[in-house]
Protein backbone atom coordinates (compact mmCIF):
# COMPACT_ATOMS: atom_id res chain seq x y z
CA MET A 1 1.01 16.59 -10.74
CA LYS A 2 -0.65 14.73 -7.89
CA LYS A 3 2.07 12.06 -7.87
CA LEU A 4 4.81 14.71 -7.95
CA GLN A 5 3.15 16.49 -5.06
CA LEU A 6 2.89 13.28 -3.03
CA VAL A 7 6.48 12.22 -3.69
CA SER A 8 7.88 15.66 -2.91
CA PHE A 9 5.85 15.78 0.32
CA ILE A 10 7.21 12.38 1.38
CA VAL A 11 10.79 13.39 0.56
CA LEU A 12 10.34 16.65 2.46
CA ALA A 13 8.90 14.84 5.48
CA LEU A 14 11.77 12.32 5.54
CA SER A 15 14.26 15.13 5.15
CA VAL A 16 12.77 17.01 8.11
CA VAL A 17 12.87 13.83 10.21
CA LEU A 18 16.53 13.29 9.32
CA TRP A 19 17.32 16.93 10.04
CA THR A 20 15.62 16.74 13.43
CA ALA A 21 17.36 13.49 14.32
CA GLY A 22 20.67 14.94 13.21
CA ARG A 23 20.21 17.96 15.45
CA THR A 24 19.11 16.03 18.55
CA MET A 25 20.37 12.43 18.60
CA LEU A 26 22.78 11.73 15.77
CA PHE A 27 25.90 13.58 14.81
CA LEU A 28 25.92 13.54 11.03
CA PRO A 29 28.98 14.40 8.97
CA ASP A 30 29.06 17.69 7.11
CA TRP A 31 28.42 16.15 3.70
CA ALA A 32 25.25 14.41 4.98
CA VAL A 33 23.88 17.64 6.43
CA ARG A 34 24.56 19.46 3.16
CA ALA A 35 23.01 16.69 1.05
CA ASN A 36 19.95 16.66 3.29
CA GLY A 37 19.64 20.43 2.95
CA ALA A 38 19.85 20.21 -0.83
CA ALA A 39 17.21 17.47 -0.90
CA MET A 40 14.99 19.54 1.39
CA LEU A 41 15.37 22.62 -0.82
CA ALA A 42 14.53 20.67 -3.97
CA ALA A 43 11.55 18.98 -2.34
CA MET A 44 10.17 22.31 -1.15
CA ALA A 45 10.48 23.81 -4.62
CA LEU A 46 8.78 20.81 -6.25
CA LEU A 47 6.02 20.78 -3.65
CA VAL A 48 5.25 24.46 -4.20
CA PHE A 49 5.40 24.08 -7.98
CA SER A 50 3.08 21.08 -8.06
CA SER A 51 0.62 22.63 -5.59
CA VAL A 52 0.35 25.89 -7.51
CA ARG A 53 0.15 24.08 -10.83
CA ARG A 54 -2.78 21.97 -9.57
CA LYS A 55 -4.59 25.05 -8.26
CA VAL A 56 -4.12 26.96 -11.54
CA LYS A 57 -5.11 23.95 -13.61
CA ASN A 58 -8.36 23.48 -11.65
CA TRP A 59 -9.25 27.17 -11.87
């Protein structure tokens, strides 16, 4: 679970950086914005799942 948590955090961080750059400097096409949003949504779900799973497992 620790590796899943680390990978999902890295993907989420990169997704937020791309989203911020797309809103300020770059003009991304619609498909790239949607793909980034889907990756961000999946990374958030995996990060929450792995964090809660580690907390419950260590209880």
